N, C-alpha and C. Protein backbone atom coordinates (compact mmCIF):
# COMPACT_ATOMS: atom_id res chain seq x y z
N MET A 1 3.80 10.00 10.74
CA MET A 1 3.69 8.60 10.41
C MET A 1 4.74 7.81 11.18
N ASN A 2 4.49 6.53 11.30
CA ASN A 2 5.41 5.66 12.01
C ASN A 2 6.62 5.36 11.15
N SER A 3 7.39 4.34 11.55
CA SER A 3 8.62 4.01 10.86
C SER A 3 8.38 3.51 9.44
N SER A 4 7.22 2.99 9.15
CA SER A 4 6.93 2.53 7.79
C SER A 4 6.65 3.74 6.92
N ALA A 5 7.09 3.65 5.68
CA ALA A 5 6.87 4.75 4.75
C ALA A 5 5.42 4.74 4.28
N PRO A 6 4.83 5.93 4.06
CA PRO A 6 3.48 5.96 3.52
C PRO A 6 3.51 5.49 2.08
N HIS A 7 2.47 4.84 1.68
CA HIS A 7 2.41 4.50 0.27
C HIS A 7 0.99 4.49 -0.24
N ARG A 8 0.91 4.47 -1.56
CA ARG A 8 -0.36 4.55 -2.26
C ARG A 8 -1.10 3.23 -2.13
N LEU A 9 -2.31 3.28 -1.62
CA LEU A 9 -3.12 2.07 -1.47
C LEU A 9 -4.15 1.93 -2.57
N GLY A 10 -4.77 3.04 -2.96
CA GLY A 10 -5.81 2.96 -3.96
C GLY A 10 -6.42 4.32 -4.25
N ARG A 11 -7.50 4.30 -5.03
CA ARG A 11 -8.18 5.53 -5.44
C ARG A 11 -9.65 5.43 -5.06
N LEU A 12 -10.20 6.54 -4.59
CA LEU A 12 -11.62 6.60 -4.24
C LEU A 12 -12.43 6.69 -5.53
N LEU A 13 -13.32 5.71 -5.74
CA LEU A 13 -14.08 5.62 -6.99
C LEU A 13 -15.38 6.39 -6.96
N ARG A 14 -16.11 6.24 -5.82
CA ARG A 14 -17.45 6.86 -5.79
C ARG A 14 -18.00 6.78 -4.38
N ALA A 15 -19.09 7.51 -4.18
CA ALA A 15 -19.83 7.41 -2.92
C ALA A 15 -20.58 6.08 -2.92
N HIS A 16 -20.85 5.59 -1.72
CA HIS A 16 -21.59 4.33 -1.58
C HIS A 16 -22.68 4.55 -0.54
N GLY A 17 -23.91 4.62 -0.96
CA GLY A 17 -25.01 4.86 -0.04
C GLY A 17 -25.17 6.32 0.31
N LEU A 18 -25.95 6.58 1.35
CA LEU A 18 -26.29 7.95 1.71
C LEU A 18 -25.54 8.47 2.93
N LYS A 19 -24.81 7.62 3.64
CA LYS A 19 -24.21 8.00 4.92
C LYS A 19 -22.73 8.38 4.83
N GLY A 20 -22.21 8.59 3.61
CA GLY A 20 -20.84 9.05 3.47
C GLY A 20 -19.81 7.97 3.23
N ASP A 21 -20.23 6.74 3.03
CA ASP A 21 -19.26 5.68 2.72
C ASP A 21 -18.69 5.89 1.32
N LEU A 22 -17.50 5.34 1.09
CA LEU A 22 -16.80 5.49 -0.18
C LEU A 22 -16.31 4.14 -0.67
N VAL A 23 -16.29 3.96 -1.98
CA VAL A 23 -15.70 2.76 -2.57
C VAL A 23 -14.25 3.08 -2.90
N LEU A 24 -13.36 2.27 -2.35
CA LEU A 24 -11.92 2.40 -2.58
C LEU A 24 -11.47 1.26 -3.48
N GLN A 25 -10.85 1.59 -4.61
CA GLN A 25 -10.26 0.54 -5.46
C GLN A 25 -8.79 0.46 -5.13
N LEU A 26 -8.36 -0.70 -4.63
CA LEU A 26 -6.97 -0.92 -4.28
C LEU A 26 -6.13 -1.03 -5.54
N TYR A 27 -4.87 -0.60 -5.46
CA TYR A 27 -4.00 -0.68 -6.62
C TYR A 27 -3.53 -2.10 -6.91
N ARG A 28 -3.62 -2.97 -5.93
CA ARG A 28 -3.33 -4.38 -6.18
C ARG A 28 -4.23 -5.23 -5.29
N PRO A 29 -4.55 -6.42 -5.74
CA PRO A 29 -5.47 -7.27 -4.97
C PRO A 29 -4.91 -7.65 -3.61
N ARG A 30 -5.79 -7.81 -2.65
CA ARG A 30 -5.46 -8.33 -1.32
C ARG A 30 -6.39 -9.49 -1.04
N ARG A 31 -5.92 -10.45 -0.27
CA ARG A 31 -6.83 -11.50 0.17
C ARG A 31 -7.89 -10.89 1.05
N VAL A 32 -9.07 -11.42 0.99
CA VAL A 32 -10.15 -10.93 1.84
C VAL A 32 -10.19 -11.82 3.07
N PRO A 33 -9.76 -11.30 4.23
CA PRO A 33 -9.80 -12.12 5.44
C PRO A 33 -11.23 -12.43 5.84
N PRO A 34 -11.44 -13.53 6.57
CA PRO A 34 -12.79 -13.86 7.00
C PRO A 34 -13.36 -12.78 7.92
N GLY A 35 -14.67 -12.66 7.92
CA GLY A 35 -15.32 -11.67 8.78
C GLY A 35 -15.86 -10.53 7.94
N GLY A 36 -16.57 -9.67 8.58
CA GLY A 36 -17.19 -8.55 7.89
C GLY A 36 -16.42 -7.26 8.09
N ALA A 37 -17.16 -6.22 8.35
CA ALA A 37 -16.57 -4.89 8.53
C ALA A 37 -15.64 -4.86 9.73
N GLN A 38 -14.60 -4.05 9.62
CA GLN A 38 -13.68 -3.84 10.73
C GLN A 38 -13.78 -2.38 11.14
N ARG A 39 -14.11 -2.15 12.41
CA ARG A 39 -14.15 -0.78 12.94
C ARG A 39 -12.79 -0.44 13.52
N HIS A 40 -12.43 0.83 13.45
CA HIS A 40 -11.11 1.26 13.92
C HIS A 40 -11.24 2.54 14.71
N PRO A 41 -10.40 2.69 15.72
CA PRO A 41 -10.47 3.89 16.54
C PRO A 41 -10.01 5.14 15.81
N GLY A 42 -9.48 4.99 14.63
CA GLY A 42 -9.12 6.17 13.86
C GLY A 42 -7.69 6.17 13.37
N GLN A 43 -7.40 5.41 12.34
CA GLN A 43 -6.09 5.43 11.73
C GLN A 43 -6.01 6.61 10.76
N PRO A 44 -4.90 7.37 10.83
CA PRO A 44 -4.77 8.48 9.90
C PRO A 44 -4.45 7.99 8.49
N VAL A 45 -5.05 8.64 7.52
CA VAL A 45 -4.77 8.40 6.11
C VAL A 45 -4.66 9.78 5.44
N TRP A 46 -4.11 9.81 4.25
CA TRP A 46 -3.98 11.05 3.52
C TRP A 46 -4.64 10.90 2.17
N LEU A 47 -5.42 11.90 1.80
CA LEU A 47 -6.09 11.93 0.51
C LEU A 47 -5.33 12.90 -0.38
N HIS A 48 -4.82 12.40 -1.49
CA HIS A 48 -4.07 13.23 -2.44
C HIS A 48 -4.94 13.47 -3.66
N PHE A 49 -5.07 14.75 -4.01
CA PHE A 49 -5.90 15.16 -5.14
C PHE A 49 -5.00 15.70 -6.24
N ASP A 50 -5.46 15.64 -7.48
CA ASP A 50 -4.69 16.17 -8.60
C ASP A 50 -4.65 17.69 -8.59
N ASP A 51 -5.70 18.32 -8.07
CA ASP A 51 -5.84 19.76 -8.20
C ASP A 51 -5.79 20.55 -6.89
N ARG A 52 -5.45 19.90 -5.78
CA ARG A 52 -5.37 20.63 -4.51
C ARG A 52 -4.44 19.90 -3.54
N ASP A 53 -4.17 20.54 -2.44
CA ASP A 53 -3.25 19.98 -1.45
C ASP A 53 -3.81 18.71 -0.81
N PRO A 54 -2.91 17.81 -0.34
CA PRO A 54 -3.37 16.62 0.37
C PRO A 54 -4.15 16.98 1.63
N VAL A 55 -5.06 16.08 1.99
CA VAL A 55 -5.89 16.28 3.16
C VAL A 55 -5.71 15.07 4.08
N GLU A 56 -5.49 15.33 5.36
CA GLU A 56 -5.43 14.24 6.32
C GLU A 56 -6.85 13.88 6.72
N ALA A 57 -7.12 12.58 6.83
CA ALA A 57 -8.44 12.09 7.23
C ALA A 57 -8.25 10.96 8.22
N THR A 58 -9.34 10.53 8.82
CA THR A 58 -9.30 9.45 9.80
C THR A 58 -10.20 8.32 9.35
N LEU A 59 -9.62 7.14 9.16
CA LEU A 59 -10.34 5.95 8.74
C LEU A 59 -11.06 5.36 9.95
N THR A 60 -12.37 5.07 9.80
CA THR A 60 -13.10 4.51 10.94
C THR A 60 -13.68 3.13 10.67
N VAL A 61 -14.03 2.82 9.40
CA VAL A 61 -14.62 1.52 9.08
C VAL A 61 -14.11 1.06 7.72
N VAL A 62 -13.85 -0.24 7.60
CA VAL A 62 -13.48 -0.87 6.33
C VAL A 62 -14.34 -2.12 6.16
N ARG A 63 -14.96 -2.26 4.98
CA ARG A 63 -15.73 -3.47 4.66
C ARG A 63 -15.23 -4.03 3.33
N PRO A 64 -15.05 -5.33 3.25
CA PRO A 64 -14.61 -5.91 1.98
C PRO A 64 -15.74 -5.99 0.97
N VAL A 65 -15.39 -5.81 -0.30
CA VAL A 65 -16.32 -6.04 -1.40
C VAL A 65 -15.80 -7.24 -2.18
N ASP A 66 -14.55 -7.14 -2.62
CA ASP A 66 -13.88 -8.24 -3.31
C ASP A 66 -12.37 -8.03 -3.14
N ALA A 67 -11.56 -8.74 -3.90
CA ALA A 67 -10.10 -8.67 -3.72
C ALA A 67 -9.52 -7.30 -4.04
N ILE A 68 -10.21 -6.50 -4.82
CA ILE A 68 -9.65 -5.22 -5.28
C ILE A 68 -10.42 -4.00 -4.76
N ARG A 69 -11.59 -4.19 -4.15
CA ARG A 69 -12.38 -3.05 -3.68
C ARG A 69 -12.78 -3.20 -2.22
N ARG A 70 -12.84 -2.04 -1.55
CA ARG A 70 -13.32 -1.97 -0.17
C ARG A 70 -14.27 -0.79 -0.06
N VAL A 71 -15.20 -0.89 0.86
CA VAL A 71 -16.04 0.25 1.22
C VAL A 71 -15.46 0.78 2.53
N ILE A 72 -15.14 2.07 2.54
CA ILE A 72 -14.54 2.68 3.73
C ILE A 72 -15.41 3.83 4.22
N HIS A 73 -15.18 4.20 5.47
CA HIS A 73 -15.81 5.40 6.01
C HIS A 73 -14.73 6.23 6.67
N LEU A 74 -14.78 7.53 6.41
CA LEU A 74 -13.84 8.48 7.00
C LEU A 74 -14.58 9.37 7.99
N LYS A 75 -13.96 9.62 9.12
CA LYS A 75 -14.56 10.47 10.15
C LYS A 75 -14.89 11.84 9.56
N GLY A 76 -16.09 12.31 9.83
CA GLY A 76 -16.51 13.63 9.37
C GLY A 76 -17.15 13.65 7.99
N VAL A 77 -17.10 12.53 7.27
CA VAL A 77 -17.78 12.43 5.98
C VAL A 77 -19.12 11.76 6.28
N ASP A 78 -20.17 12.59 6.41
CA ASP A 78 -21.44 12.10 6.93
C ASP A 78 -22.57 12.03 5.92
N GLY A 79 -22.30 12.38 4.69
CA GLY A 79 -23.36 12.32 3.69
C GLY A 79 -22.82 12.05 2.31
N ARG A 80 -23.71 11.74 1.42
CA ARG A 80 -23.32 11.40 0.05
C ARG A 80 -22.61 12.56 -0.65
N ASP A 81 -23.09 13.77 -0.46
CA ASP A 81 -22.46 14.93 -1.12
C ASP A 81 -21.01 15.09 -0.67
N GLN A 82 -20.74 14.93 0.63
CA GLN A 82 -19.36 15.02 1.13
C GLN A 82 -18.50 13.91 0.53
N ALA A 83 -19.06 12.72 0.43
CA ALA A 83 -18.32 11.59 -0.14
C ALA A 83 -18.02 11.83 -1.61
N GLU A 84 -18.99 12.32 -2.35
CA GLU A 84 -18.78 12.57 -3.78
C GLU A 84 -17.72 13.63 -4.02
N ALA A 85 -17.53 14.55 -3.09
CA ALA A 85 -16.50 15.58 -3.23
C ALA A 85 -15.09 14.99 -3.14
N LEU A 86 -14.97 13.76 -2.66
CA LEU A 86 -13.65 13.12 -2.53
C LEU A 86 -13.33 12.22 -3.72
N TYR A 87 -14.22 12.17 -4.70
CA TYR A 87 -14.04 11.32 -5.87
C TYR A 87 -12.67 11.54 -6.50
N GLY A 88 -11.98 10.45 -6.81
CA GLY A 88 -10.70 10.52 -7.51
C GLY A 88 -9.49 10.69 -6.63
N ALA A 89 -9.68 10.96 -5.35
CA ALA A 89 -8.53 11.14 -4.46
C ALA A 89 -7.78 9.83 -4.32
N GLU A 90 -6.47 9.95 -4.22
CA GLU A 90 -5.63 8.78 -3.99
C GLU A 90 -5.45 8.63 -2.49
N LEU A 91 -5.66 7.43 -1.97
CA LEU A 91 -5.54 7.17 -0.55
C LEU A 91 -4.12 6.69 -0.25
N MET A 92 -3.44 7.40 0.64
CA MET A 92 -2.09 7.02 1.07
C MET A 92 -2.11 6.84 2.58
N ALA A 93 -1.27 5.91 3.06
CA ALA A 93 -1.26 5.64 4.49
C ALA A 93 0.01 4.92 4.89
N ASP A 94 0.26 4.91 6.18
CA ASP A 94 1.32 4.12 6.77
C ASP A 94 0.75 2.72 6.97
N PRO A 95 1.29 1.70 6.28
CA PRO A 95 0.69 0.37 6.38
C PRO A 95 0.74 -0.23 7.78
N SER A 96 1.65 0.25 8.62
CA SER A 96 1.74 -0.34 9.96
C SER A 96 0.55 0.03 10.84
N SER A 97 -0.23 1.03 10.43
CA SER A 97 -1.36 1.46 11.25
C SER A 97 -2.71 1.03 10.68
N LEU A 98 -2.69 0.26 9.60
CA LEU A 98 -3.94 -0.05 8.92
C LEU A 98 -4.44 -1.46 9.20
N PRO A 99 -5.75 -1.67 9.02
CA PRO A 99 -6.34 -2.99 9.26
C PRO A 99 -5.99 -3.99 8.16
N ALA A 100 -6.13 -5.27 8.50
CA ALA A 100 -5.80 -6.35 7.57
C ALA A 100 -6.65 -6.32 6.30
N LEU A 101 -7.79 -5.67 6.33
CA LEU A 101 -8.61 -5.59 5.12
C LEU A 101 -8.01 -4.66 4.06
N LEU A 102 -7.06 -3.81 4.47
CA LEU A 102 -6.45 -2.88 3.52
C LEU A 102 -5.01 -3.24 3.17
N VAL A 103 -4.32 -3.90 4.05
CA VAL A 103 -2.90 -4.19 3.82
C VAL A 103 -2.62 -5.68 4.02
N ASP A 104 -1.53 -6.11 3.46
CA ASP A 104 -1.07 -7.48 3.69
C ASP A 104 0.42 -7.43 4.00
N GLU A 105 1.04 -8.59 4.11
CA GLU A 105 2.45 -8.64 4.52
C GLU A 105 3.35 -7.89 3.54
N ALA A 106 3.00 -7.85 2.28
CA ALA A 106 3.82 -7.15 1.29
C ALA A 106 3.86 -5.65 1.53
N ASP A 107 2.76 -5.06 2.00
CA ASP A 107 2.71 -3.62 2.23
C ASP A 107 3.74 -3.17 3.26
N HIS A 108 4.08 -4.04 4.18
CA HIS A 108 5.02 -3.68 5.22
C HIS A 108 6.46 -3.61 4.72
N LEU A 109 6.70 -4.07 3.48
CA LEU A 109 8.03 -3.99 2.90
C LEU A 109 8.36 -2.58 2.41
N VAL A 110 7.35 -1.77 2.12
CA VAL A 110 7.58 -0.42 1.61
C VAL A 110 8.35 0.38 2.66
N GLY A 111 9.44 1.00 2.20
CA GLY A 111 10.29 1.80 3.08
C GLY A 111 11.50 1.03 3.60
N ALA A 112 11.49 -0.28 3.50
CA ALA A 112 12.61 -1.09 3.96
C ALA A 112 13.76 -1.02 2.95
N MET A 113 14.98 -1.20 3.43
CA MET A 113 16.16 -1.21 2.56
C MET A 113 16.30 -2.60 1.93
N ALA A 114 16.40 -2.64 0.61
CA ALA A 114 16.60 -3.90 -0.10
C ALA A 114 18.10 -4.14 -0.25
N TYR A 115 18.53 -5.37 0.05
CA TYR A 115 19.94 -5.71 -0.11
C TYR A 115 20.07 -7.08 -0.73
N LEU A 116 21.21 -7.31 -1.39
CA LEU A 116 21.47 -8.59 -2.04
C LEU A 116 21.96 -9.59 -1.02
N GLY A 117 21.47 -10.81 -1.13
CA GLY A 117 21.84 -11.88 -0.20
C GLY A 117 23.31 -12.18 -0.21
N GLU A 118 23.91 -12.29 -1.40
CA GLU A 118 25.33 -12.58 -1.47
C GLU A 118 26.12 -11.27 -1.36
N GLY A 119 26.78 -11.08 -0.25
CA GLY A 119 27.60 -9.89 -0.05
C GLY A 119 26.90 -8.75 0.66
N GLY A 120 25.59 -8.70 0.64
CA GLY A 120 24.85 -7.70 1.38
C GLY A 120 24.84 -6.31 0.78
N ALA A 121 25.18 -6.16 -0.52
CA ALA A 121 25.18 -4.83 -1.15
C ALA A 121 23.76 -4.26 -1.16
N GLU A 122 23.63 -3.00 -0.72
CA GLU A 122 22.32 -2.36 -0.69
C GLU A 122 21.93 -1.87 -2.07
N LEU A 123 20.69 -2.13 -2.45
CA LEU A 123 20.16 -1.67 -3.73
C LEU A 123 19.38 -0.36 -3.58
N GLY A 124 18.87 -0.11 -2.40
CA GLY A 124 18.08 1.10 -2.14
C GLY A 124 16.80 0.74 -1.42
N PRO A 125 16.05 1.76 -1.03
CA PRO A 125 14.79 1.50 -0.33
C PRO A 125 13.71 1.02 -1.29
N ILE A 126 12.78 0.25 -0.75
CA ILE A 126 11.61 -0.17 -1.53
C ILE A 126 10.64 1.00 -1.51
N LEU A 127 10.40 1.58 -2.68
CA LEU A 127 9.58 2.78 -2.78
C LEU A 127 8.09 2.50 -2.83
N GLU A 128 7.72 1.44 -3.51
CA GLU A 128 6.31 1.10 -3.63
C GLU A 128 6.18 -0.31 -4.17
N ILE A 129 4.96 -0.77 -4.25
CA ILE A 129 4.64 -2.06 -4.84
C ILE A 129 3.68 -1.80 -5.98
N ARG A 130 4.04 -2.23 -7.17
CA ARG A 130 3.18 -2.06 -8.35
C ARG A 130 2.61 -3.42 -8.74
N ASP A 131 1.48 -3.38 -9.37
CA ASP A 131 0.89 -4.61 -9.88
C ASP A 131 0.86 -4.49 -11.40
N ASN A 132 1.47 -5.45 -12.09
CA ASN A 132 1.50 -5.39 -13.55
C ASN A 132 0.43 -6.27 -14.19
N GLY A 133 -0.49 -6.74 -13.39
CA GLY A 133 -1.56 -7.60 -13.89
C GLY A 133 -1.25 -9.07 -13.70
N ALA A 134 0.01 -9.42 -13.72
CA ALA A 134 0.41 -10.82 -13.52
C ALA A 134 0.89 -11.05 -12.10
N GLN A 135 1.59 -10.05 -11.54
CA GLN A 135 2.12 -10.19 -10.18
C GLN A 135 2.52 -8.83 -9.65
N ALA A 136 2.77 -8.79 -8.37
CA ALA A 136 3.24 -7.56 -7.74
C ALA A 136 4.74 -7.42 -7.97
N LEU A 137 5.20 -6.18 -8.13
CA LEU A 137 6.61 -5.88 -8.33
C LEU A 137 7.07 -4.89 -7.28
N LEU A 138 8.23 -5.16 -6.66
CA LEU A 138 8.85 -4.20 -5.76
C LEU A 138 9.56 -3.15 -6.61
N VAL A 139 9.34 -1.89 -6.31
CA VAL A 139 10.03 -0.79 -6.99
C VAL A 139 11.12 -0.34 -6.02
N ILE A 140 12.38 -0.48 -6.45
CA ILE A 140 13.52 -0.27 -5.55
C ILE A 140 14.40 0.87 -6.02
N GLY A 141 14.97 1.59 -5.04
CA GLY A 141 15.93 2.65 -5.33
C GLY A 141 15.30 3.80 -6.06
N ASP A 142 15.91 4.17 -7.17
CA ASP A 142 15.40 5.31 -7.93
C ASP A 142 14.22 4.93 -8.82
N GLY A 143 13.69 3.73 -8.63
CA GLY A 143 12.52 3.30 -9.37
C GLY A 143 12.85 2.53 -10.63
N GLU A 144 14.14 2.32 -10.89
CA GLU A 144 14.52 1.60 -12.10
C GLU A 144 14.77 0.12 -11.85
N ILE A 145 14.72 -0.31 -10.60
CA ILE A 145 14.87 -1.73 -10.29
C ILE A 145 13.51 -2.27 -9.91
N LEU A 146 13.06 -3.26 -10.66
CA LEU A 146 11.79 -3.92 -10.40
C LEU A 146 12.06 -5.39 -10.14
N ILE A 147 11.60 -5.87 -8.99
CA ILE A 147 11.81 -7.26 -8.60
C ILE A 147 10.44 -7.89 -8.36
N PRO A 148 10.15 -9.03 -9.01
CA PRO A 148 8.87 -9.69 -8.73
C PRO A 148 8.76 -10.07 -7.26
N LEU A 149 7.60 -9.82 -6.71
CA LEU A 149 7.37 -10.11 -5.30
C LEU A 149 6.95 -11.57 -5.15
N VAL A 150 7.96 -12.43 -5.19
CA VAL A 150 7.75 -13.87 -5.01
C VAL A 150 8.73 -14.35 -3.95
N PRO A 151 8.32 -15.30 -3.13
CA PRO A 151 9.18 -15.76 -2.03
C PRO A 151 10.56 -16.25 -2.46
N THR A 152 10.69 -16.73 -3.69
CA THR A 152 11.99 -17.19 -4.18
C THR A 152 12.99 -16.04 -4.25
N PHE A 153 12.53 -14.83 -4.58
CA PHE A 153 13.41 -13.67 -4.73
C PHE A 153 13.46 -12.79 -3.50
N VAL A 154 12.38 -12.73 -2.73
CA VAL A 154 12.24 -11.74 -1.66
C VAL A 154 12.12 -12.45 -0.31
N GLY A 155 13.08 -12.15 0.56
CA GLY A 155 13.06 -12.74 1.90
C GLY A 155 12.12 -11.99 2.83
N PRO A 156 12.01 -12.44 4.07
CA PRO A 156 11.13 -11.77 5.03
C PRO A 156 11.72 -10.43 5.49
N LEU A 157 10.87 -9.61 6.05
CA LEU A 157 11.28 -8.33 6.60
C LEU A 157 12.13 -8.57 7.84
N GLU A 158 13.27 -7.88 7.93
CA GLU A 158 14.18 -8.02 9.07
C GLU A 158 14.33 -6.67 9.76
N ASP A 159 14.52 -6.72 11.06
CA ASP A 159 14.88 -5.51 11.81
C ASP A 159 16.38 -5.52 12.01
N GLY A 160 17.07 -4.56 11.42
CA GLY A 160 18.53 -4.48 11.53
C GLY A 160 18.93 -3.27 12.35
N PRO A 161 20.23 -3.10 12.59
CA PRO A 161 20.70 -1.97 13.38
C PRO A 161 20.41 -0.62 12.73
N ASN A 162 20.26 -0.60 11.40
CA ASN A 162 19.99 0.64 10.68
C ASN A 162 18.56 0.72 10.16
N GLY A 163 17.66 -0.08 10.73
CA GLY A 163 16.26 -0.05 10.31
C GLY A 163 15.83 -1.35 9.66
N ARG A 164 14.68 -1.28 9.02
CA ARG A 164 14.09 -2.46 8.40
C ARG A 164 14.81 -2.79 7.10
N ARG A 165 15.03 -4.09 6.86
CA ARG A 165 15.73 -4.55 5.67
C ARG A 165 15.04 -5.77 5.08
N VAL A 166 15.27 -5.97 3.77
CA VAL A 166 14.72 -7.13 3.07
C VAL A 166 15.83 -7.71 2.21
N LYS A 167 16.08 -9.00 2.39
CA LYS A 167 17.10 -9.70 1.61
C LYS A 167 16.50 -10.16 0.29
N LEU A 168 17.19 -9.82 -0.81
CA LEU A 168 16.77 -10.24 -2.14
C LEU A 168 17.73 -11.28 -2.68
N THR A 169 17.19 -12.28 -3.33
CA THR A 169 17.98 -13.33 -3.96
C THR A 169 17.47 -13.51 -5.39
N PRO A 170 17.78 -12.55 -6.27
CA PRO A 170 17.26 -12.63 -7.64
C PRO A 170 18.00 -13.70 -8.45
N ILE A 171 17.33 -14.20 -9.48
CA ILE A 171 17.96 -15.15 -10.37
C ILE A 171 19.03 -14.42 -11.19
N PRO A 172 20.03 -15.16 -11.68
CA PRO A 172 21.07 -14.52 -12.50
C PRO A 172 20.44 -13.80 -13.70
N GLY A 173 20.87 -12.58 -13.92
CA GLY A 173 20.42 -11.78 -15.04
C GLY A 173 19.26 -10.85 -14.75
N LEU A 174 18.57 -11.03 -13.63
CA LEU A 174 17.40 -10.19 -13.33
C LEU A 174 17.80 -8.74 -13.10
N LEU A 175 18.84 -8.48 -12.33
CA LEU A 175 19.27 -7.10 -12.10
C LEU A 175 19.81 -6.47 -13.36
N GLU A 176 20.52 -7.25 -14.17
CA GLU A 176 21.04 -6.74 -15.44
C GLU A 176 19.91 -6.40 -16.40
N ALA A 177 18.84 -7.18 -16.37
CA ALA A 177 17.68 -6.90 -17.22
C ALA A 177 17.04 -5.57 -16.83
N ASN A 178 17.11 -5.22 -15.57
CA ASN A 178 16.57 -3.93 -15.12
C ASN A 178 17.38 -2.77 -15.64
N GLN A 179 18.67 -2.97 -15.88
CA GLN A 179 19.54 -1.89 -16.34
C GLN A 179 19.48 -1.69 -17.85
N ALA A 180 18.92 -2.68 -18.55
CA ALA A 180 18.86 -2.58 -20.02
C ALA A 180 17.81 -1.60 -20.47
């Protein structure tokens, strides 16, 4: 994978049609960019199963359904039976290699080091982005720091001498509330 950390994008819900397409439910909504299906020369993705080892696959087509679902096609999955065998797998990928129909600007924050604006103290890497139904939350460090993903608190992604960084400017008491 590239410099961006892999992260969980969604879960495969079911087969779609007879040619091996799959319905992917994203873990958090994404805007649906204008246009239809996007073809790709083959971005690598990983399918994680509860009962077996992860499998590397190659994404070839993505089509939007709505803000939370996409229809995807994986290279080598050529029929409904093959697609149904992937039911329930969690799709993980490096967001830097994926099409706009699957990722947005927030996905590129995963793996970046979060630091406080005043003084620059590092809080830890951004491990993932969770959706609590009301908004997206950055999961930072050991997973016990949750910061709402809103422009007031979260600055843009920066390239620093030690890698990618994100400046956080939380309101007073937000970090303390995470420790309670």
